[in-house]
Amino acid sequence: MMINVFKQHLEDFFPGYFALVMATGALSIGSHLLEMTVVSKALLFINIGAYLILWVITLLRLGWFPTRLIDDLTSHTRGPSFFTLVAGTSVFGSQLIIVGGLHTVAFYLWGLAVLLWLVIMYTFFFAVTVRRDKPTLAEGINGAWLIAAVATQSISILGTLLIPFVNHGQSVVLFFTLCMYFLGCMLYLNIITLIFYRFTFLNLKFSALTPPYWINMGAVAITTLAGSTLILHAEHWELIDEITPFLKGFTLFFWITGSWWIPLLFMLMIWRHAVNRYPLTYDPQLWGMVFPLAMYTTSTFQLSKALDFGPLTVIPHFMVYVALLAWVFVMLGLVHHLYKDVLVRQPR
């Protein structure tokens, strides 16, 4: 009986749960940069366990429910969540390099992330393009679509971080990571146009304002980090050194875009939960809110180094506590959910 209950949970498992790894990794890196060593190390150990557990669940789901998994991957609404596998793998690899000093493992994770990116990117966009019965824009588009841009930028970041450990072909790797950076920029600009149109010209019910809309900000935050990382590694390839002025301007453009989103998203969250009294209960999509807050902290700190503009460091020094508070709140919600809805309600 218990195995049947487990399989039921597995069949309905939310494919975007790797956002937990993304959020924990980004917060760990940010706290490490801000010299909060104990916090960053603790988050690293938590993320190691979370990453392994989520992969076991994903592989079991693939083995037991391959049809359901493919249906989710090719869906307008659930399909974009699979990009968290790519982003989670890359962010975890970056965390291992920066916090754990384990660049060898990170090489394998980068290769896995690139492979996952190819499979998920083209499977999803091909499927939603050729589908006959398509949802309306209001039904089909949401903030989760921007995880495609997040995943692309996460591969750029991890590849660039690996450059000091590459003995041959540094220019080839940096050319690839530079291309992924620009591709991620393209994906963000295309998708955010549709989302902004939905926000301003279509009826948006407060119940539909789900946490993944925070990726509106998170996607440009990780784009900022990708650009800053390239700038900070410009000495490894002449081309990046030559276009550094352009990269600085373009990266600053995305940072200010992310900064603009933050007050609006907080206002919309208050409108949803305080004004319209929508219940604030645990939802795995809440990790899609924690990740942007953590990534904004990390990206702002690195941007201050890339631009050599010290005053920017004021922001991550207080934003890290906002991100940490959000992480603790959602993690407690997850623990409560696992205990109450998964363990207690199982038949004995």
Foldseek 3Di string as FASTA:
>chain_A
DLVVLVVVCLLVPQLLLLLLLLLLLLLLLLCVVVVVLVSNVVSLVVSVVVLVVVVVSVVVCCVPPVVSVLVQCQALARNLSNLSNLLSLLSNLVSCCRNVVPNVVSVVSLVVSVVSLVVSVCSRVVSQVPDDDHDDLLVRADLSNLSNLSSLLSSLLSLLSCLVVDPPDSVVSNVSSVVSLVVSVVSLVVRVVSVVCCVPPNDDDLVNNFLSNLVNLQSLLSSLQSLLSLLVSVVSDVVSVVCLVVSLVVSVVSLVSSVVVVVVSVVSVCCSCVVVVDDDAADSSLSSNLSSLSSNLRSQVSSCVSVVPPVSNVVSVVSSVVSVVSSVVNVVRVVCCCVPVPPPPRDD
